[in-house]
């Protein structure tokens, strides 16, 4: 089952096309484009509910009195990084790992669960 209903997806598309006001606008940011390796100045991000709808020039974004606006004031904006190789099941202080991971821009960690599975079985993996 999808976390998003069809009206959320349609609303996101309408915001992307400039036909519906964004729920939130982040403006005046410097986007770190991880695909091109370039830093793009004066970028705005339109968000509809909890989804990114549009990233680009502010002139393409429709807003209204209900749109929350955040001025990035030239701050850097980047996607959350993925730590693709971790052994979280062998870290005893997961909170300490998370604290430093978040500070370095990681929002996702991919781990294996061999030690948990060997020690606690299937239920242990589900709990982890």
N, C-alpha and C. Protein backbone atom coordinates (compact mmCIF):
# COMPACT_ATOMS: atom_id res chain seq x y z
N UNK A 1 0.84 -1.18 0.00
CA UNK A 1 0.00 0.00 0.00
C UNK A 1 0.89 1.25 0.00
N UNK A 2 0.58 2.19 -0.82
CA UNK A 2 1.36 3.41 -0.94
C UNK A 2 1.10 4.35 0.23
N UNK A 3 2.13 5.09 0.63
CA UNK A 3 1.95 6.10 1.68
C UNK A 3 1.28 7.34 1.14
N UNK A 4 1.17 7.46 -0.16
CA UNK A 4 0.60 8.64 -0.78
C UNK A 4 -0.64 8.27 -1.57
N UNK A 5 -1.68 9.07 -1.44
CA UNK A 5 -2.87 8.80 -2.22
C UNK A 5 -2.76 9.56 -3.55
N UNK A 6 -3.67 9.28 -4.45
CA UNK A 6 -3.59 9.86 -5.79
C UNK A 6 -3.75 11.38 -5.77
N UNK A 7 -4.50 11.93 -4.81
CA UNK A 7 -4.64 13.39 -4.77
C UNK A 7 -3.33 14.05 -4.32
N UNK A 8 -2.54 13.38 -3.44
CA UNK A 8 -1.23 13.91 -3.06
C UNK A 8 -0.28 13.93 -4.26
N UNK A 9 -0.30 12.88 -5.03
CA UNK A 9 0.57 12.81 -6.21
C UNK A 9 0.15 13.85 -7.24
N UNK A 10 -1.16 13.96 -7.45
CA UNK A 10 -1.66 14.96 -8.40
C UNK A 10 -1.33 16.38 -7.92
N UNK A 11 -1.46 16.63 -6.62
CA UNK A 11 -1.13 17.94 -6.07
C UNK A 11 0.34 18.27 -6.23
N UNK A 12 1.20 17.29 -6.02
CA UNK A 12 2.63 17.47 -6.21
C UNK A 12 2.95 17.83 -7.66
N UNK A 13 2.29 17.15 -8.58
CA UNK A 13 2.50 17.44 -10.01
C UNK A 13 2.01 18.84 -10.35
N UNK A 14 0.88 19.26 -9.80
CA UNK A 14 0.36 20.60 -10.07
C UNK A 14 1.29 21.69 -9.53
N UNK A 15 1.89 21.45 -8.36
CA UNK A 15 2.86 22.40 -7.82
C UNK A 15 4.08 22.45 -8.73
N UNK A 16 4.54 21.30 -9.18
CA UNK A 16 5.70 21.24 -10.08
C UNK A 16 5.46 22.01 -11.37
N UNK A 17 4.23 22.01 -11.83
CA UNK A 17 3.88 22.71 -13.07
C UNK A 17 3.51 24.18 -12.84
N UNK A 18 3.52 24.62 -11.59
CA UNK A 18 3.17 26.02 -11.29
C UNK A 18 1.69 26.29 -11.36
N UNK A 19 0.87 25.25 -11.22
CA UNK A 19 -0.58 25.42 -11.30
C UNK A 19 -1.26 25.44 -9.94
N UNK A 20 -0.51 25.09 -8.89
CA UNK A 20 -1.06 25.04 -7.55
C UNK A 20 -0.01 25.60 -6.59
N UNK A 21 -0.44 26.34 -5.56
CA UNK A 21 0.55 26.90 -4.61
C UNK A 21 1.27 25.81 -3.83
N UNK A 22 2.54 26.05 -3.58
CA UNK A 22 3.34 25.14 -2.76
C UNK A 22 2.90 25.24 -1.30
N UNK A 23 3.02 24.15 -0.55
CA UNK A 23 2.77 24.18 0.90
C UNK A 23 3.90 24.90 1.60
N UNK A 24 5.12 24.70 1.09
CA UNK A 24 6.30 25.32 1.67
C UNK A 24 7.25 25.72 0.55
N UNK A 25 7.96 26.81 0.77
CA UNK A 25 8.96 27.29 -0.18
C UNK A 25 10.26 27.55 0.56
N UNK A 26 11.33 26.97 0.06
CA UNK A 26 12.68 27.31 0.54
C UNK A 26 13.32 28.09 -0.59
N UNK A 27 13.72 29.33 -0.32
CA UNK A 27 14.24 30.17 -1.40
C UNK A 27 15.65 30.66 -1.07
N UNK A 28 16.32 31.13 -2.11
CA UNK A 28 17.66 31.74 -1.98
C UNK A 28 18.72 30.79 -1.45
N UNK A 29 18.66 29.53 -1.87
CA UNK A 29 19.66 28.57 -1.43
C UNK A 29 20.72 28.32 -2.50
N UNK A 30 21.81 27.73 -2.07
CA UNK A 30 22.85 27.26 -2.98
C UNK A 30 22.76 25.75 -3.00
N UNK A 31 22.33 25.21 -4.13
CA UNK A 31 22.12 23.77 -4.23
C UNK A 31 23.41 23.06 -4.61
N UNK A 32 23.79 22.09 -3.82
CA UNK A 32 24.91 21.23 -4.18
C UNK A 32 24.33 20.12 -5.05
N UNK A 33 24.60 20.20 -6.36
CA UNK A 33 24.08 19.23 -7.31
C UNK A 33 25.04 18.04 -7.35
N UNK A 34 24.63 16.94 -6.75
CA UNK A 34 25.52 15.78 -6.66
C UNK A 34 25.66 15.05 -7.99
N UNK A 35 24.83 15.35 -8.95
CA UNK A 35 24.95 14.74 -10.28
C UNK A 35 25.93 15.50 -11.16
N UNK A 36 25.84 16.81 -11.15
CA UNK A 36 26.72 17.60 -12.01
C UNK A 36 28.02 17.99 -11.32
N UNK A 37 28.03 17.93 -9.99
CA UNK A 37 29.20 18.35 -9.24
C UNK A 37 29.31 19.86 -9.12
N UNK A 38 28.26 20.58 -9.49
CA UNK A 38 28.28 22.04 -9.46
C UNK A 38 27.43 22.56 -8.31
N UNK A 39 27.72 23.78 -7.92
CA UNK A 39 26.90 24.48 -6.94
C UNK A 39 26.05 25.49 -7.70
N UNK A 40 24.74 25.37 -7.56
CA UNK A 40 23.81 26.24 -8.27
C UNK A 40 23.30 27.31 -7.32
N UNK A 41 23.50 28.57 -7.68
CA UNK A 41 23.11 29.69 -6.83
C UNK A 41 21.64 30.04 -6.99
N UNK A 42 21.10 30.65 -5.95
CA UNK A 42 19.76 31.22 -5.96
C UNK A 42 18.68 30.20 -6.37
N UNK A 43 18.73 29.04 -5.75
CA UNK A 43 17.78 27.97 -6.05
C UNK A 43 16.63 28.01 -5.05
N UNK A 44 15.45 27.69 -5.53
CA UNK A 44 14.27 27.60 -4.68
C UNK A 44 13.70 26.19 -4.77
N UNK A 45 13.10 25.76 -3.69
CA UNK A 45 12.50 24.42 -3.62
C UNK A 45 11.04 24.57 -3.21
N UNK A 46 10.15 24.02 -4.02
CA UNK A 46 8.73 24.00 -3.69
C UNK A 46 8.38 22.63 -3.14
N UNK A 47 7.68 22.63 -2.02
CA UNK A 47 7.28 21.39 -1.37
C UNK A 47 5.76 21.36 -1.30
N UNK A 48 5.19 20.21 -1.64
CA UNK A 48 3.74 20.03 -1.50
C UNK A 48 3.54 18.95 -0.44
N UNK A 49 2.90 19.32 0.63
CA UNK A 49 2.75 18.46 1.81
C UNK A 49 4.15 18.04 2.26
N UNK A 50 4.53 16.80 2.07
CA UNK A 50 5.86 16.39 2.51
C UNK A 50 6.73 15.90 1.34
N UNK A 51 6.40 16.34 0.13
CA UNK A 51 7.15 15.91 -1.05
C UNK A 51 7.77 17.10 -1.77
N UNK A 52 9.00 16.90 -2.22
CA UNK A 52 9.63 17.90 -3.07
C UNK A 52 8.89 17.89 -4.40
N UNK A 53 8.44 19.04 -4.84
CA UNK A 53 7.68 19.13 -6.08
C UNK A 53 8.50 19.78 -7.20
N UNK A 54 9.33 20.74 -6.83
CA UNK A 54 10.07 21.49 -7.86
C UNK A 54 11.34 22.06 -7.24
N UNK A 55 12.43 21.99 -7.99
CA UNK A 55 13.69 22.60 -7.59
C UNK A 55 14.17 23.44 -8.77
N UNK A 56 14.36 24.73 -8.55
CA UNK A 56 14.80 25.58 -9.65
C UNK A 56 14.58 27.05 -9.36
N UNK A 57 14.21 27.76 -10.39
CA UNK A 57 14.03 29.21 -10.32
C UNK A 57 12.73 29.57 -9.60
N UNK A 58 12.80 30.56 -8.74
CA UNK A 58 11.64 31.00 -7.96
C UNK A 58 10.47 31.44 -8.84
N UNK A 59 10.75 31.98 -10.02
CA UNK A 59 9.67 32.50 -10.86
C UNK A 59 8.70 31.41 -11.33
N UNK A 60 9.09 30.15 -11.22
CA UNK A 60 8.22 29.05 -11.65
C UNK A 60 7.36 28.49 -10.53
N UNK A 61 7.47 29.07 -9.33
CA UNK A 61 6.77 28.53 -8.16
C UNK A 61 5.61 29.44 -7.78
N UNK A 62 4.44 28.84 -7.66
CA UNK A 62 3.24 29.56 -7.25
C UNK A 62 3.11 29.46 -5.73
N UNK A 63 2.91 30.61 -5.08
CA UNK A 63 2.70 30.64 -3.64
C UNK A 63 1.44 31.43 -3.33
N UNK A 64 0.92 31.25 -2.11
CA UNK A 64 -0.20 32.05 -1.66
C UNK A 64 -0.01 32.35 -0.17
N UNK A 65 -1.05 32.89 0.48
CA UNK A 65 -0.93 33.28 1.89
C UNK A 65 -0.74 32.10 2.83
N UNK A 66 -1.05 30.89 2.38
CA UNK A 66 -0.88 29.70 3.22
C UNK A 66 0.48 29.03 3.04
N UNK A 67 1.29 29.51 2.11
CA UNK A 67 2.60 28.91 1.87
C UNK A 67 3.58 29.34 2.95
N UNK A 68 4.19 28.36 3.61
CA UNK A 68 5.27 28.66 4.57
C UNK A 68 6.54 28.96 3.77
N UNK A 69 7.22 30.04 4.13
CA UNK A 69 8.40 30.44 3.37
C UNK A 69 9.63 30.45 4.29
N UNK A 70 10.67 29.78 3.83
CA UNK A 70 11.95 29.77 4.53
C UNK A 70 12.97 30.41 3.61
N UNK A 71 13.65 31.44 4.09
CA UNK A 71 14.71 32.07 3.31
C UNK A 71 16.03 31.44 3.72
N UNK A 72 16.65 30.72 2.81
CA UNK A 72 17.92 30.03 3.10
C UNK A 72 19.08 31.01 3.21
N UNK A 73 18.89 32.24 2.76
CA UNK A 73 19.91 33.29 2.86
C UNK A 73 21.27 32.83 2.33
N UNK A 74 21.27 32.11 1.22
CA UNK A 74 22.52 31.68 0.62
C UNK A 74 23.14 30.45 1.24
N UNK A 75 22.44 29.82 2.17
CA UNK A 75 22.95 28.59 2.79
C UNK A 75 22.96 27.46 1.76
N UNK A 76 23.81 26.48 2.00
CA UNK A 76 23.91 25.34 1.10
C UNK A 76 22.77 24.37 1.36
N UNK A 77 22.23 23.84 0.26
CA UNK A 77 21.16 22.85 0.32
C UNK A 77 21.68 21.62 -0.41
N UNK A 78 21.54 20.46 0.21
CA UNK A 78 22.02 19.24 -0.42
C UNK A 78 21.09 18.09 -0.06
N UNK A 79 21.11 17.06 -0.88
CA UNK A 79 20.31 15.88 -0.53
C UNK A 79 20.95 15.16 0.65
N UNK A 80 20.14 14.41 1.37
CA UNK A 80 20.70 13.59 2.45
C UNK A 80 21.56 12.50 1.86
N UNK A 81 22.71 12.28 2.46
CA UNK A 81 23.63 11.26 1.97
C UNK A 81 23.25 9.88 2.50
N UNK A 82 23.66 8.86 1.77
CA UNK A 82 23.41 7.47 2.14
C UNK A 82 24.73 6.82 2.51
N UNK A 83 24.81 6.29 3.72
CA UNK A 83 25.96 5.50 4.13
C UNK A 83 25.67 4.08 3.66
N UNK A 84 26.31 3.68 2.59
CA UNK A 84 25.97 2.41 1.92
C UNK A 84 26.65 1.20 2.52
N UNK A 85 27.52 1.38 3.50
CA UNK A 85 28.19 0.22 4.10
C UNK A 85 28.39 0.49 5.58
N UNK A 86 27.52 -0.07 6.38
CA UNK A 86 27.64 0.07 7.83
C UNK A 86 27.46 -1.29 8.48
N UNK A 87 27.85 -1.38 9.71
CA UNK A 87 27.63 -2.57 10.53
C UNK A 87 26.94 -2.12 11.81
N UNK A 88 25.74 -1.61 11.63
CA UNK A 88 25.02 -1.03 12.77
C UNK A 88 24.69 -2.07 13.83
N UNK A 89 24.60 -3.34 13.42
CA UNK A 89 24.25 -4.36 14.40
C UNK A 89 25.41 -4.64 15.37
N UNK A 90 26.59 -4.13 15.08
CA UNK A 90 27.71 -4.33 16.00
C UNK A 90 28.07 -3.06 16.75
N UNK A 91 27.31 -2.01 16.57
CA UNK A 91 27.52 -0.76 17.30
C UNK A 91 26.64 -0.77 18.54
N UNK A 92 27.26 -0.64 19.68
CA UNK A 92 26.51 -0.75 20.92
C UNK A 92 25.78 0.53 21.26
N UNK A 93 26.29 1.66 20.79
CA UNK A 93 25.66 2.94 21.07
C UNK A 93 25.11 3.53 19.77
N UNK A 94 24.01 3.00 19.32
CA UNK A 94 23.42 3.44 18.06
C UNK A 94 23.11 4.93 18.06
N UNK A 95 22.72 5.48 19.19
CA UNK A 95 22.43 6.92 19.30
C UNK A 95 23.65 7.77 18.99
N UNK A 96 24.83 7.33 19.42
CA UNK A 96 26.07 8.06 19.13
C UNK A 96 26.36 8.02 17.64
N UNK A 97 26.16 6.87 17.00
CA UNK A 97 26.35 6.77 15.55
C UNK A 97 25.41 7.75 14.85
N UNK A 98 24.15 7.73 15.24
CA UNK A 98 23.15 8.58 14.58
C UNK A 98 23.49 10.06 14.74
N UNK A 99 23.96 10.45 15.92
CA UNK A 99 24.29 11.85 16.17
C UNK A 99 25.36 12.33 15.18
N UNK A 100 26.41 11.55 15.00
CA UNK A 100 27.48 11.97 14.10
C UNK A 100 27.11 11.78 12.63
N UNK A 101 26.32 10.78 12.33
CA UNK A 101 25.88 10.56 10.95
C UNK A 101 25.04 11.73 10.47
N UNK A 102 24.11 12.18 11.28
CA UNK A 102 23.24 13.29 10.90
C UNK A 102 24.05 14.57 10.74
N UNK A 103 25.01 14.81 11.65
CA UNK A 103 25.84 16.01 11.54
C UNK A 103 26.65 16.04 10.25
N UNK A 104 26.96 14.87 9.69
CA UNK A 104 27.74 14.83 8.45
C UNK A 104 26.86 14.74 7.21
N UNK A 105 25.55 14.85 7.37
CA UNK A 105 24.65 14.87 6.23
C UNK A 105 24.05 13.54 5.86
N UNK A 106 24.32 12.49 6.60
CA UNK A 106 23.74 11.18 6.31
C UNK A 106 22.32 11.12 6.85
N UNK A 107 21.41 10.70 6.00
CA UNK A 107 20.03 10.54 6.43
C UNK A 107 19.56 9.10 6.30
N UNK A 108 20.40 8.25 5.68
CA UNK A 108 20.05 6.85 5.47
C UNK A 108 21.29 6.00 5.68
N UNK A 109 21.12 4.86 6.35
CA UNK A 109 22.21 3.91 6.52
C UNK A 109 21.74 2.53 6.08
N UNK A 110 22.57 1.89 5.30
CA UNK A 110 22.27 0.52 4.85
C UNK A 110 23.18 -0.40 5.65
N UNK A 111 22.59 -1.39 6.28
CA UNK A 111 23.36 -2.26 7.15
C UNK A 111 23.03 -3.72 6.87
N UNK A 112 23.86 -4.56 7.40
CA UNK A 112 23.54 -5.98 7.38
C UNK A 112 23.18 -6.38 8.80
N UNK A 113 22.56 -7.51 8.96
CA UNK A 113 22.08 -7.90 10.29
C UNK A 113 22.55 -9.30 10.67
N UNK A 114 23.71 -9.71 10.16
CA UNK A 114 24.19 -11.07 10.41
C UNK A 114 24.35 -11.38 11.89
N UNK A 115 24.96 -10.45 12.64
CA UNK A 115 25.18 -10.72 14.07
C UNK A 115 23.85 -10.81 14.82
N UNK A 116 22.92 -9.92 14.49
CA UNK A 116 21.60 -9.96 15.14
C UNK A 116 20.89 -11.26 14.78
N UNK A 117 20.90 -11.62 13.50
CA UNK A 117 20.21 -12.83 13.06
C UNK A 117 20.82 -14.08 13.69
N UNK A 118 22.15 -14.13 13.74
CA UNK A 118 22.80 -15.30 14.34
C UNK A 118 22.50 -15.42 15.82
N UNK A 119 22.38 -14.30 16.50
CA UNK A 119 22.16 -14.33 17.94
C UNK A 119 20.69 -14.45 18.33
N UNK A 120 19.83 -13.75 17.60
CA UNK A 120 18.43 -13.65 18.03
C UNK A 120 17.41 -14.15 17.01
N UNK A 121 17.88 -14.56 15.83
CA UNK A 121 16.97 -15.10 14.83
C UNK A 121 16.12 -14.04 14.16
N UNK A 122 15.09 -14.53 13.48
CA UNK A 122 14.21 -13.69 12.69
C UNK A 122 13.55 -12.59 13.53
N UNK A 123 13.08 -12.94 14.73
CA UNK A 123 12.43 -11.95 15.59
C UNK A 123 13.39 -10.83 15.99
N UNK A 124 14.65 -11.19 16.18
CA UNK A 124 15.65 -10.18 16.50
C UNK A 124 15.87 -9.20 15.36
N UNK A 125 15.87 -9.71 14.12
CA UNK A 125 16.03 -8.84 12.95
C UNK A 125 14.83 -7.90 12.84
N UNK A 126 13.64 -8.42 13.04
CA UNK A 126 12.45 -7.56 12.99
C UNK A 126 12.50 -6.50 14.07
N UNK A 127 12.97 -6.85 15.25
CA UNK A 127 13.06 -5.88 16.34
C UNK A 127 14.11 -4.83 16.05
N UNK A 128 15.24 -5.25 15.45
CA UNK A 128 16.33 -4.34 15.14
C UNK A 128 15.88 -3.30 14.15
